[in-house]
PDB file of N, CA and C in Angstrom:
ATOM      1  N   MET A   1       9.779 -22.735 -12.239  1.00  0.00           N
ATOM      2  CA  MET A   1       8.769 -21.810 -12.914  1.00  0.00           C
ATOM      3  C   MET A   1       8.380 -21.039 -11.842  1.00  0.00           C
ATOM      4  N   GLY A   2       8.553 -21.244 -10.574  1.00  0.00           N
ATOM      5  CA  GLY A   2       8.071 -20.834  -9.185  1.00  0.00           C
ATOM      6  C   GLY A   2       8.664 -19.435  -9.350  1.00  0.00           C
ATOM      7  N   MET A   3      10.272 -19.401  -9.502  1.00  0.00           N
ATOM      8  CA  MET A   3      11.348 -18.403  -9.316  1.00  0.00           C
ATOM      9  C   MET A   3      10.507 -17.583 -10.518  1.00  0.00           C
ATOM     10  N   VAL A   4      10.579 -17.662 -11.768  1.00  0.00           N
ATOM     11  CA  VAL A   4       9.789 -16.593 -12.392  1.00  0.00           C
ATOM     12  C   VAL A   4       8.880 -16.048 -12.389  1.00  0.00           C
ATOM     13  N   ARG A   5       7.800 -16.819 -11.621  1.00  0.00           N
ATOM     14  CA  ARG A   5       6.418 -16.547 -11.194  1.00  0.00           C
ATOM     15  C   ARG A   5       6.645 -15.176 -10.279  1.00  0.00           C
ATOM     16  N   ALA A   6       7.498 -15.718  -9.337  1.00  0.00           N
ATOM     17  CA  ALA A   6       8.082 -14.577  -8.092  1.00  0.00           C
ATOM     18  C   ALA A   6       8.557 -13.549  -8.616  1.00  0.00           C
ATOM     19  N   CYS A   7       9.535 -13.489  -9.828  1.00  0.00           N
ATOM     20  CA  CYS A   7      10.228 -12.620 -10.060  1.00  0.00           C
ATOM     21  C   CYS A   7       9.009 -11.421 -10.904  1.00  0.00           C
ATOM     22  N   LEU A   8       8.241 -11.919 -11.897  1.00  0.00           N
ATOM     23  CA  LEU A   8       7.241 -11.731 -12.115  1.00  0.00           C
ATOM     24  C   LEU A   8       6.160 -10.498 -11.434  1.00  0.00           C
ATOM     25  N   LEU A   9       6.213 -11.219 -10.284  1.00  0.00           N
ATOM     26  CA  LEU A   9       5.268 -10.484  -9.254  1.00  0.00           C
ATOM     27  C   LEU A   9       5.968  -9.366  -8.865  1.00  0.00           C
ATOM     28  N   GLY A  10       7.079  -9.455  -8.721  1.00  0.00           N
ATOM     29  CA  GLY A  10       8.219  -8.367  -7.946  1.00  0.00           C
ATOM     30  C   GLY A  10       8.554  -7.189  -9.036  1.00  0.00           C
ATOM     31  N   ALA A  11       8.471  -7.811 -10.407  1.00  0.00           N
ATOM     32  CA  ALA A  11       8.402  -6.589 -11.629  1.00  0.00           C
ATOM     33  C   ALA A  11       7.162  -6.161 -11.536  1.00  0.00           C
ATOM     34  N   ALA A  12       5.932  -6.615 -11.085  1.00  0.00           N
ATOM     35  CA  ALA A  12       4.805  -6.074 -11.382  1.00  0.00           C
ATOM     36  C   ALA A  12       4.390  -5.096 -10.009  1.00  0.00           C
ATOM     37  N   VAL A  13       4.842  -5.036  -9.071  1.00  0.00           N
ATOM     38  CA  VAL A  13       4.964  -4.776  -7.677  1.00  0.00           C
ATOM     39  C   VAL A  13       5.608  -3.253  -8.096  1.00  0.00           C
ATOM     40  N   THR A  14       6.907  -3.565  -8.462  1.00  0.00           N
ATOM     41  CA  THR A  14       7.871  -2.229  -8.818  1.00  0.00           C
ATOM     42  C   THR A  14       7.128  -1.458  -9.830  1.00  0.00           C
ATOM     43  N   PHE A  15       6.637  -2.355 -10.826  1.00  0.00           N
ATOM     44  CA  PHE A  15       6.026  -1.301 -12.005  1.00  0.00           C
ATOM     45  C   PHE A  15       5.040  -0.602 -11.791  1.00  0.00           C
ATOM     46  N   ALA A  16       3.790  -1.171 -11.031  1.00  0.00           N
ATOM     47  CA  ALA A  16       2.527  -0.242 -10.102  1.00  0.00           C
ATOM     48  C   ALA A  16       3.013   0.500  -9.262  1.00  0.00           C
ATOM     49  N   LEU A  17       3.958   0.414  -8.500  1.00  0.00           N
ATOM     50  CA  LEU A  17       4.140   1.625  -7.677  1.00  0.00           C
ATOM     51  C   LEU A  17       4.891   2.597  -8.400  1.00  0.00           C
ATOM     52  N   ILE A  18       5.795   2.405  -9.129  1.00  0.00           N
ATOM     53  CA  ILE A  18       6.361   3.563 -10.082  1.00  0.00           C
ATOM     54  C   ILE A  18       5.178   4.148 -11.037  1.00  0.00           C
ATOM     55  N   ALA A  19       4.376   3.308 -11.384  1.00  0.00           N
ATOM     56  CA  ALA A  19       3.315   3.964 -12.662  1.00  0.00           C
ATOM     57  C   ALA A  19       2.049   4.729 -12.007  1.00  0.00           C
ATOM     58  N   VAL A  20       1.935   4.589 -10.467  1.00  0.00           N
ATOM     59  CA  VAL A  20       0.982   5.621  -9.959  1.00  0.00           C
ATOM     60  C   VAL A  20       1.417   7.065 -10.141  1.00  0.00           C
ATOM     61  N   PRO A  21       0.524   7.821 -10.514  1.00  0.00           N
ATOM     62  CA  PRO A  21       1.095   9.238 -10.940  1.00  0.00           C
ATOM     63  C   PRO A  21       0.639   9.798  -9.342  1.00  0.00           C
ATOM     64  N   VAL A  22       1.538  11.073  -9.351  1.00  0.00           N
ATOM     65  CA  VAL A  22       1.314  11.749  -7.998  1.00  0.00           C
ATOM     66  C   VAL A  22       2.796  11.454  -7.127  1.00  0.00           C
ATOM     67  N   VAL A  23       2.538   9.884  -6.635  1.00  0.00           N
ATOM     68  CA  VAL A  23       3.196   9.367  -5.862  1.00  0.00           C
ATOM     69  C   VAL A  23       4.285   8.836  -6.239  1.00  0.00           C
ATOM     70  N   HIS A  24       4.684   8.558  -7.509  1.00  0.00           N
ATOM     71  CA  HIS A  24       5.522   7.674  -8.136  1.00  0.00           C
ATOM     72  C   HIS A  24       7.110   8.534  -7.736  1.00  0.00           C
ATOM     73  N   TRP A  25       6.636   9.903  -7.642  1.00  0.00           N
ATOM     74  CA  TRP A  25       8.242  10.701  -7.199  1.00  0.00           C
ATOM     75  C   TRP A  25       8.680  10.213  -5.950  1.00  0.00           C
ATOM     76  N   ILE A  26       7.786   9.839  -4.930  1.00  0.00           N
ATOM     77  CA  ILE A  26       8.232   8.982  -3.705  1.00  0.00           C
ATOM     78  C   ILE A  26       8.395   7.620  -3.705  1.00  0.00           C
ATOM     79  N   THR A  27       7.611   7.130  -4.523  1.00  0.00           N
ATOM     80  CA  THR A  27       7.501   5.418  -4.145  1.00  0.00           C
ATOM     81  C   THR A  27       8.479   4.753  -5.127  1.00  0.00           C
ATOM     82  N   PHE A  28       9.235   5.741  -6.133  1.00  0.00           N
ATOM     83  CA  PHE A  28       9.976   5.118  -7.104  1.00  0.00           C
ATOM     84  C   PHE A  28      11.211   4.512  -6.624  1.00  0.00           C
ATOM     85  N   TRP A  29      11.763   5.535  -5.496  1.00  0.00           N
ATOM     86  CA  TRP A  29      13.181   4.941  -5.006  1.00  0.00           C
ATOM     87  C   TRP A  29      13.108   3.559  -3.957  1.00  0.00           C
ATOM     88  N   PHE A  30      11.623   3.530  -3.832  1.00  0.00           N
ATOM     89  CA  PHE A  30      11.684   1.955  -2.668  1.00  0.00           C
ATOM     90  C   PHE A  30      10.977   0.694  -3.372  1.00  0.00           C
ATOM     91  N   ALA A  31      10.092   1.176  -4.945  1.00  0.00           N
ATOM     92  CA  ALA A  31       9.826   0.226  -5.390  1.00  0.00           C
ATOM     93  C   ALA A  31      10.340  -0.972  -5.417  1.00  0.00           C
ATOM     94  N   PRO A  32      11.437  -0.786  -6.203  1.00  0.00           N
ATOM     95  CA  PRO A  32      12.410  -2.322  -6.628  1.00  0.00           C
ATOM     96  C   PRO A  32      12.631  -2.925  -5.008  1.00  0.00           C
ATOM     97  N   PHE A  33      12.791  -2.355  -3.985  1.00  0.00           N
ATOM     98  CA  PHE A  33      13.148  -3.114  -2.525  1.00  0.00           C
ATOM     99  C   PHE A  33      12.054  -3.829  -2.236  1.00  0.00           C
ATOM    100  N   ILE A  34      10.548  -3.068  -2.433  1.00  0.00           N
ATOM    101  CA  ILE A  34       9.726  -3.848  -1.961  1.00  0.00           C
ATOM    102  C   ILE A  34       8.937  -4.914  -2.747  1.00  0.00           C
ATOM    103  N   GLY A  35       9.596  -4.706  -4.156  1.00  0.00           N
ATOM    104  CA  GLY A  35       9.093  -5.915  -5.220  1.00  0.00           C
ATOM    105  C   GLY A  35      10.060  -7.242  -5.033  1.00  0.00           C
ATOM    106  N   GLY A  36      11.234  -6.744  -4.497  1.00  0.00           N
ATOM    107  CA  GLY A  36      12.124  -7.911  -4.413  1.00  0.00           C
ATOM    108  C   GLY A  36      11.753  -8.505  -3.174  1.00  0.00           C
ATOM    109  N   TYR A  37      11.300  -7.913  -2.397  1.00  0.00           N
ATOM    110  CA  TYR A  37      10.921  -8.428  -0.733  1.00  0.00           C
ATOM    111  C   TYR A  37      10.244  -9.434  -1.400  1.00  0.00           C
ATOM    112  N   PHE A  38       8.773  -8.843  -1.933  1.00  0.00           N
ATOM    113  CA  PHE A  38       7.622  -9.872  -2.337  1.00  0.00           C
ATOM    114  C   PHE A  38       8.324 -11.084  -3.118  1.00  0.00           C
ATOM    115  N   ALA A  39       8.739 -11.093  -3.944  1.00  0.00           N
ATOM    116  CA  ALA A  39       9.659 -12.238  -4.729  1.00  0.00           C
ATOM    117  C   ALA A  39      10.745 -12.991  -3.725  1.00  0.00           C
ATOM    118  N   GLY A  40      11.471 -12.345  -2.914  1.00  0.00           N
ATOM    119  CA  GLY A  40      12.430 -13.295  -1.754  1.00  0.00           C
ATOM    120  C   GLY A  40      11.751 -13.843  -1.099  1.00  0.00           C
ATOM    121  N   SER A  41      10.337 -13.504  -0.470  1.00  0.00           N
ATOM    122  CA  SER A  41       9.888 -14.282   0.591  1.00  0.00           C
ATOM    123  C   SER A  41       8.624 -15.126  -0.112  1.00  0.00           C
ATOM    124  N   ARG A  42       8.456 -15.293  -1.532  1.00  0.00           N
ATOM    125  CA  ARG A  42       7.630 -16.009  -1.945  1.00  0.00           C
ATOM    126  C   ARG A  42       8.531 -17.213  -2.416  1.00  0.00           C
ATOM    127  N   THR A  43       9.814 -16.915  -2.695  1.00  0.00           N
ATOM    128  CA  THR A  43      10.972 -18.424  -3.243  1.00  0.00           C
ATOM    129  C   THR A  43      11.798 -18.315  -1.812  1.00  0.00           C
ATOM    130  N   GLN A  44      11.655 -17.706  -1.080  1.00  0.00           N
ATOM    131  CA  GLN A  44      12.604 -17.977   0.246  1.00  0.00           C
ATOM    132  C   GLN A  44      14.178 -17.769  -0.112  1.00  0.00           C
ATOM    133  N   ALA A  45      14.482 -16.747  -0.829  1.00  0.00           N
ATOM    134  CA  ALA A  45      15.615 -16.772  -1.878  1.00  0.00           C
ATOM    135  C   ALA A  45      16.825 -16.585  -0.528  1.00  0.00           C
ATOM    136  N   SER A  46      17.765 -17.113  -0.871  1.00  0.00           N
ATOM    137  CA  SER A  46      19.043 -17.247  -0.129  1.00  0.00           C
ATOM    138  C   SER A  46      20.035 -17.085  -1.317  1.00  0.00           C
ATOM    139  N   GLY A  47      21.239 -17.042  -0.716  1.00  0.00           N
ATOM    140  CA  GLY A  47      22.462 -17.047  -1.205  1.00  0.00           C
ATOM    141  C   GLY A  47      22.533 -16.471  -2.845  1.00  0.00           C
ATOM    142  N   SER A  48      22.732 -16.870  -3.756  1.00  0.00           N
ATOM    143  CA  SER A  48      22.992 -16.524  -5.192  1.00  0.00           C
ATOM    144  C   SER A  48      21.642 -16.379  -6.006  1.00  0.00           C
ATOM    145  N   ARG A  49      20.663 -17.171  -5.111  1.00  0.00           N
ATOM    146  CA  ARG A  49      19.120 -16.868  -5.804  1.00  0.00           C
ATOM    147  C   ARG A  49      18.933 -15.394  -5.536  1.00  0.00           C
ATOM    148  N   VAL A  50      19.109 -14.837  -4.387  1.00  0.00           N
ATOM    149  CA  VAL A  50      18.954 -13.240  -4.100  1.00  0.00           C
ATOM    150  C   VAL A  50      19.304 -12.554  -5.470  1.00  0.00           C
ATOM    151  N   PHE A  51      20.560 -12.456  -6.002  1.00  0.00           N
ATOM    152  CA  PHE A  51      20.939 -11.713  -6.802  1.00  0.00           C
ATOM    153  C   PHE A  51      20.377 -12.524  -8.175  1.00  0.00           C
ATOM    154  N   LEU A  52      20.018 -13.457  -8.143  1.00  0.00           N
ATOM    155  CA  LEU A  52      19.135 -13.865  -9.616  1.00  0.00           C
ATOM    156  C   LEU A  52      17.866 -13.299  -9.549  1.00  0.00           C
ATOM    157  N   VAL A  53      17.097 -13.058  -8.193  1.00  0.00           N
ATOM    158  CA  VAL A  53      15.862 -12.523  -8.405  1.00  0.00           C
ATOM    159  C   VAL A  53      15.984 -10.953  -8.701  1.00  0.00           C
ATOM    160  N   GLY A  54      16.726 -10.431  -8.378  1.00  0.00           N
ATOM    161  CA  GLY A  54      17.231  -8.794  -8.755  1.00  0.00           C
ATOM    162  C   GLY A  54      17.496  -8.647 -10.323  1.00  0.00           C
ATOM    163  N   LEU A  55      18.188  -9.791 -10.830  1.00  0.00           N
ATOM    164  CA  LEU A  55      18.717  -9.697 -12.254  1.00  0.00           C
ATOM    165  C   LEU A  55      17.537  -9.705 -12.748  1.00  0.00           C
ATOM    166  N   VAL A  56      16.704 -10.777 -12.659  1.00  0.00           N
ATOM    167  CA  VAL A  56      15.645 -11.110 -13.668  1.00  0.00           C
ATOM    168  C   VAL A  56      14.615  -9.941 -13.370  1.00  0.00           C
ATOM    169  N   MET A  57      14.368  -9.305 -12.273  1.00  0.00           N
ATOM    170  CA  MET A  57      13.329  -8.122 -12.188  1.00  0.00           C
ATOM    171  C   MET A  57      14.103  -6.773 -12.976  1.00  0.00           C
ATOM    172  N   GLY A  58      15.300  -6.667 -12.877  1.00  0.00           N
ATOM    173  CA  GLY A  58      15.864  -5.822 -13.687  1.00  0.00           C
ATOM    174  C   GLY A  58      15.451  -6.001 -15.188  1.00  0.00           C
ATOM    175  N   LEU A  59      15.726  -7.239 -15.559  1.00  0.00           N
ATOM    176  CA  LEU A  59      15.799  -7.519 -16.786  1.00  0.00           C
ATOM    177  C   LEU A  59      14.017  -7.573 -17.557  1.00  0.00           C
ATOM    178  N   LEU A  60      12.922  -7.999 -16.649  1.00  0.00           N
ATOM    179  CA  LEU A  60      12.065  -7.948 -16.671  1.00  0.00           C
ATOM    180  C   LEU A  60      11.328  -6.387 -17.240  1.00  0.00           C
ATOM    181  N   LEU A  61      12.304  -5.655 -16.181  1.00  0.00           N
ATOM    182  CA  LEU A  61      11.724  -4.375 -16.409  1.00  0.00           C
ATOM    183  C   LEU A  61      12.579  -3.440 -17.360  1.00  0.00           C
ATOM    184  N   LEU A  62      13.310  -4.176 -17.927  1.00  0.00           N
ATOM    185  CA  LEU A  62      14.639  -3.342 -19.012  1.00  0.00           C
ATOM    186  C   LEU A  62      13.726  -2.313 -19.932  1.00  0.00           C
ATOM    187  N   VAL A  63      12.964  -2.750 -20.547  1.00  0.00           N
ATOM    188  CA  VAL A  63      12.098  -2.420 -21.755  1.00  0.00           C
ATOM    189  C   VAL A  63      11.398  -1.434 -21.248  1.00  0.00           C
ATOM    190  N   PRO A  64      10.354  -1.798 -20.362  1.00  0.00           N
ATOM    191  CA  PRO A  64       9.422  -0.355 -19.611  1.00  0.00           C
ATOM    192  C   PRO A  64      10.416   0.971 -19.340  1.00  0.00           C
ATOM    193  N   VAL A  65      11.427   0.506 -18.585  1.00  0.00           N
ATOM    194  CA  VAL A  65      12.243   1.690 -17.979  1.00  0.00           C
ATOM    195  C   VAL A  65      12.954   2.407 -19.520  1.00  0.00           C
ATOM    196  N   ALA A  66      13.470   1.500 -20.067  1.00  0.00           N
ATOM    197  CA  ALA A  66      13.801   2.214 -21.291  1.00  0.00           C
ATOM    198  C   ALA A  66      12.962   2.999 -22.272  1.00  0.00           C
ATOM    199  N   GLY A  67      11.558   2.449 -22.130  1.00  0.00           N
ATOM    200  CA  GLY A  67      10.185   3.259 -22.834  1.00  0.00           C
ATOM    201  C   GLY A  67      10.296   4.413 -21.896  1.00  0.00           C
ATOM    202  N   VAL A  68      10.258   4.364 -20.825  1.00  0.00           N
ATOM    203  CA  VAL A  68      10.060   5.889 -19.986  1.00  0.00           C
ATOM    204  C   VAL A  68      11.173   6.745 -19.978  1.00  0.00           C
ATOM    205  N   VAL A  69      12.243   6.351 -20.411  1.00  0.00           N
ATOM    206  CA  VAL A  69      13.464   7.186 -20.553  1.00  0.00           C
ATOM    207  C   VAL A  69      13.290   8.083 -21.626  1.00  0.00           C
ATOM    208  N   ALA A  70      13.024   7.158 -22.706  1.00  0.00           N
ATOM    209  CA  ALA A  70      13.020   7.515 -24.017  1.00  0.00           C
ATOM    210  C   ALA A  70      11.864   8.628 -24.255  1.00  0.00           C
ATOM    211  N   LEU A  71      10.671   8.450 -23.440  1.00  0.00           N
ATOM    212  CA  LEU A  71       9.346   9.156 -23.634  1.00  0.00           C
ATOM    213  C   LEU A  71       9.876  10.324 -22.877  1.00  0.00           C
ATOM    214  N   ALA A  72      10.251  10.307 -21.895  1.00  0.00           N
ATOM    215  CA  ALA A  72      10.833  11.566 -20.910  1.00  0.00           C
ATOM    216  C   ALA A  72      11.435  12.445 -21.818  1.00  0.00           C
ATOM    217  N   SER A  73      12.828  11.612 -22.587  1.00  0.00           N
ATOM    218  CA  SER A  73      13.791  12.291 -23.296  1.00  0.00           C
ATOM    219  C   SER A  73      13.014  13.069 -24.533  1.00  0.00           C
ATOM    220  N   LEU A  74      12.070  12.288 -25.248  1.00  0.00           N
ATOM    221  CA  LEU A  74      11.415  13.256 -26.162  1.00  0.00           C
ATOM    222  C   LEU A  74      10.491  14.646 -26.039  1.00  0.00           C
ATOM    223  N   MET A  75       9.643  14.422 -24.800  1.00  0.00           N
ATOM    224  CA  MET A  75       9.262  15.219 -24.141  1.00  0.00           C
ATOM    225  C   MET A  75       9.693  16.618 -23.730  1.00  0.00           C
ATOM    226  N   PHE A  76      10.932  16.493 -22.863  1.00  0.00           N
ATOM    227  CA  PHE A  76      11.516  17.413 -22.042  1.00  0.00           C
ATOM    228  C   PHE A  76      13.182  17.733 -22.451  1.00  0.00           C
ATOM    229  N   PHE A  77      13.766  16.557 -22.833  1.00  0.00           N
ATOM    230  CA  PHE A  77      15.208  16.623 -23.026  1.00  0.00           C
ATOM    231  C   PHE A  77      15.678  16.865 -24.232  1.00  0.00           C
ATOM    232  N   ASP A  78      15.428  15.959 -25.031  1.00  0.00           N
ATOM    233  CA  ASP A  78      15.907  15.768 -26.679  1.00  0.00           C
ATOM    234  C   ASP A  78      17.527  15.240 -26.368  1.00  0.00           C
ATOM    235  N   LEU A  79      17.392  14.371 -25.442  1.00  0.00           N
ATOM    236  CA  LEU A  79      18.778  13.471 -25.405  1.00  0.00           C
ATOM    237  C   LEU A  79      19.279  12.311 -26.614  1.00  0.00           C
ATOM    238  N   PRO A  80      20.227  12.561 -26.938  1.00  0.00           N
ATOM    239  CA  PRO A  80      20.556  11.612 -27.913  1.00  0.00           C
ATOM    240  C   PRO A  80      20.307   9.998 -27.185  1.00  0.00           C
ATOM    241  N   LEU A  81      20.387   9.293 -28.581  1.00  0.00           N
ATOM    242  CA  LEU A  81      20.003   7.499 -27.817  1.00  0.00           C
ATOM    243  C   LEU A  81      20.789   6.960 -26.714  1.00  0.00           C
ATOM    244  N   ALA A  82      22.421   7.388 -27.183  1.00  0.00           N
ATOM    245  CA  ALA A  82      23.465   6.765 -26.046  1.00  0.00           C
ATOM    246  C   ALA A  82      22.851   7.057 -24.903  1.00  0.00           C
ATOM    247  N   TRP A  83      22.373   8.647 -24.642  1.00  0.00           N
ATOM    248  CA  TRP A  83      22.277   8.638 -23.307  1.00  0.00           C
ATOM    249  C   TRP A  83      21.017   8.055 -22.965  1.00  0.00           C
ATOM    250  N   ILE A  84      20.249   7.926 -23.552  1.00  0.00           N
ATOM    251  CA  ILE A  84      18.954   7.424 -23.215  1.00  0.00           C
ATOM    252  C   ILE A  84      19.355   5.994 -22.857  1.00  0.00           C
ATOM    253  N   ALA A  85      20.255   5.106 -23.741  1.00  0.00           N
ATOM    254  CA  ALA A  85      20.576   3.645 -23.375  1.00  0.00           C
ATOM    255  C   ALA A  85      21.104   3.841 -22.014  1.00  0.00           C
ATOM    256  N   ILE A  86      22.385   4.863 -21.647  1.00  0.00           N
ATOM    257  CA  ILE A  86      22.980   4.921 -20.288  1.00  0.00           C
ATOM    258  C   ILE A  86      21.962   5.039 -19.335  1.00  0.00           C
ATOM    259  N   GLY A  87      21.137   5.958 -19.529  1.00  0.00           N
ATOM    260  CA  GLY A  87      19.960   6.229 -18.427  1.00  0.00           C
ATOM    261  C   GLY A  87      19.254   4.884 -17.892  1.00  0.00           C
ATOM    262  N   ALA A  88      18.914   4.351 -19.107  1.00  0.00           N
ATOM    263  CA  ALA A  88      18.009   2.962 -18.980  1.00  0.00           C
ATOM    264  C   ALA A  88      18.982   1.964 -18.320  1.00  0.00           C
ATOM    265  N   GLY A  89      20.054   1.869 -18.608  1.00  0.00           N
ATOM    266  CA  GLY A  89      21.009   0.972 -18.241  1.00  0.00           C
ATOM    267  C   GLY A  89      21.267   1.008 -16.717  1.00  0.00           C
ATOM    268  N   VAL A  90      21.437   2.410 -16.308  1.00  0.00           N
ATOM    269  CA  VAL A  90      21.927   2.818 -14.765  1.00  0.00           C
ATOM    270  C   VAL A  90      20.476   2.773 -13.985  1.00  0.00           C
ATOM    271  N   LEU A  91      19.006   2.747 -14.394  1.00  0.00           N
ATOM    272  CA  LEU A  91      18.047   2.502 -14.083  1.00  0.00           C
ATOM    273  C   LEU A  91      17.794   0.818 -13.756  1.00  0.00           C
ATOM    274  N   THR A  92      18.354   0.229 -14.635  1.00  0.00           N
ATOM    275  CA  THR A  92      17.988  -1.193 -14.593  1.00  0.00           C
ATOM    276  C   THR A  92      18.630  -1.620 -13.718  1.00  0.00           C
ATOM    277  N   LEU A  93      20.047  -1.221 -13.654  1.00  0.00           N
ATOM    278  CA  LEU A  93      21.000  -1.562 -12.482  1.00  0.00           C
ATOM    279  C   LEU A  93      20.501  -1.236 -10.992  1.00  0.00           C
ATOM    280  N   TYR A  94      19.887  -0.260 -10.845  1.00  0.00           N
ATOM    281  CA  TYR A  94      19.448   0.322  -9.741  1.00  0.00           C
ATOM    282  C   TYR A  94      18.521  -0.675  -9.465  1.00  0.00           C
ATOM    283  N   VAL A  95      17.139  -1.032 -10.084  1.00  0.00           N
ATOM    284  CA  VAL A  95      16.403  -2.113  -9.784  1.00  0.00           C
ATOM    285  C   VAL A  95      16.907  -3.132  -9.630  1.00  0.00           C
ATOM    286  N   ALA A  96      17.958  -3.877 -10.496  1.00  0.00           N
ATOM    287  CA  ALA A  96      18.231  -5.170  -9.832  1.00  0.00           C
ATOM    288  C   ALA A  96      18.812  -5.062  -8.376  1.00  0.00           C
ATOM    289  N   ALA A  97      19.822  -4.158  -8.022  1.00  0.00           N
ATOM    290  CA  ALA A  97      20.504  -3.989  -6.603  1.00  0.00           C
ATOM    291  C   ALA A  97      19.369  -3.818  -5.451  1.00  0.00           C
ATOM    292  N   ALA A  98      18.416  -3.158  -5.862  1.00  0.00           N
ATOM    293  CA  ALA A  98      17.447  -2.866  -4.984  1.00  0.00           C
ATOM    294  C   ALA A  98      16.788  -4.214  -4.757  1.00  0.00           C
ATOM    295  N   GLY A  99      16.367  -4.455  -5.774  1.00  0.00           N
ATOM    296  CA  GLY A  99      15.354  -5.857  -5.916  1.00  0.00           C
ATOM    297  C   GLY A  99      16.426  -7.047  -5.134  1.00  0.00           C
ATOM    298  N   SER A 100      17.624  -7.100  -5.554  1.00  0.00           N
ATOM    299  CA  SER A 100      18.326  -8.291  -5.003  1.00  0.00           C
ATOM    300  C   SER A 100      18.352  -7.971  -3.216  1.00  0.00           C
ATOM    301  N   LEU A 101      18.365  -6.895  -2.666  1.00  0.00           N
ATOM    302  CA  LEU A 101      18.562  -6.281  -1.445  1.00  0.00           C
ATOM    303  C   LEU A 101      16.971  -6.623  -0.794  1.00  0.00           C
ATOM    304  N   GLY A 102      15.981  -6.435  -1.319  1.00  0.00           N
ATOM    305  CA  GLY A 102      14.786  -6.684  -0.826  1.00  0.00           C
ATOM    306  C   GLY A 102      14.617  -8.082  -1.018  1.00  0.00           C
ATOM    307  N   ALA A 103      14.964  -8.920  -1.925  1.00  0.00           N
ATOM    308  CA  ALA A 103      14.852 -10.162  -2.133  1.00  0.00           C
ATOM    309  C   ALA A 103      15.586 -11.005  -0.996  1.00  0.00           C
ATOM    310  N   ALA A 104      16.829 -10.513  -0.450  1.00  0.00           N
ATOM    311  CA  ALA A 104      17.454 -10.900   0.764  1.00  0.00           C
ATOM    312  C   ALA A 104      16.726 -10.510   2.262  1.00  0.00           C
ATOM    313  N   LEU A 105      16.246  -9.690   2.100  1.00  0.00           N
ATOM    314  CA  LEU A 105      15.333  -9.272   3.429  1.00  0.00           C
ATOM    315  C   LEU A 105      14.225  -9.968   3.542  1.00  0.00           C
ATOM    316  N   GLY A 106      13.319 -10.351   2.335  1.00  0.00           N
ATOM    317  CA  GLY A 106      12.084 -11.348   2.522  1.00  0.00           C
ATOM    318  C   GLY A 106      12.639 -12.367   2.483  1.00  0.00           C
ATOM    319  N   GLY A 107      13.465 -13.014   1.614  1.00  0.00           N
ATOM    320  CA  GLY A 107      13.965 -14.512   2.026  1.00  0.00           C
ATOM    321  C   GLY A 107      14.193 -14.966   3.160  1.00  0.00           C
ATOM    322  N   ALA A 108      15.279 -13.839   4.247  1.00  0.00           N
ATOM    323  CA  ALA A 108      15.572 -14.154   5.314  1.00  0.00           C
ATOM    324  C   ALA A 108      14.081 -13.956   6.369  1.00  0.00           C
ATOM    325  N   SER A 109      13.237 -13.100   6.252  1.00  0.00           N
ATOM    326  CA  SER A 109      12.224 -13.184   7.067  1.00  0.00           C
ATOM    327  C   SER A 109      11.365 -14.223   7.014  1.00  0.00           C
ATOM    328  N   THR A 110      11.290 -14.797   5.825  1.00  0.00           N
ATOM    329  CA  THR A 110      10.470 -15.852   5.712  1.00  0.00           C
ATOM    330  C   THR A 110      11.019 -17.020   6.057  1.00  0.00           C
ATOM    331  N   ARG A 111      12.375 -17.338   6.057  1.00  0.00           N
ATOM    332  CA  ARG A 111      12.941 -18.493   6.415  1.00  0.00           C
ATOM    333  C   ARG A 111      13.113 -18.335   7.968  1.00  0.00           C
ATOM    334  N   GLY A 112      13.163 -17.057   8.463  1.00  0.00           N
ATOM    335  CA  GLY A 112      12.958 -17.160   9.870  1.00  0.00           C
ATOM    336  C   GLY A 112      11.628 -17.394  10.360  1.00  0.00           C
ATOM    337  N   GLN A 113      10.511 -16.896  10.028  1.00  0.00           N
ATOM    338  CA  GLN A 113       9.034 -17.504  10.135  1.00  0.00           C
ATOM    339  C   GLN A 113       9.330 -18.808  10.213  1.00  0.00           C
ATOM    340  N   ALA A 114       9.413 -19.637   9.035  1.00  0.00           N
ATOM    341  CA  ALA A 114       9.251 -20.914   9.155  1.00  0.00           C
ATOM    342  C   ALA A 114      10.132 -21.660   9.975  1.00  0.00           C
ATOM    343  N   ALA A 115      11.069 -21.167  10.652  1.00  0.00           N
ATOM    344  CA  ALA A 115      12.103 -22.050  11.326  1.00  0.00           C
ATOM    345  C   ALA A 115      11.439 -21.755  13.097  1.00  0.00           C
ATOM    346  N   THR A 116      10.647 -20.730  12.922  1.00  0.00           N
ATOM    347  CA  THR A 116       9.718 -20.501  14.557  1.00  0.00           C
ATOM    348  C   THR A 116       8.575 -21.519  14.460  1.00  0.00           C
TER     349      THR A 116
END
């Protein structure tokens, strides 16, 4: 259960950094990494758990990301549903990959501090 809570924390941090108006254009790129760092440091993630943290974060943010992409499409682009699904999938994979990298660094730093 601790893994799920840590992934929820990471997803919440990611979503909060993306949802803040004005600065979200800058923080969007780093938000999944920062969220993954928090999740990885809470779980001391290593090995395959690093990828699990990123995957769970990506899946938790799939619906909000798809909603934002769909809303942006309706407001600005009028894209077909297939393009919306592809865009949401690509962004979800980005969140999962950056979250995994952050979890790897967060887990390694926590394990390093515990060893000293």
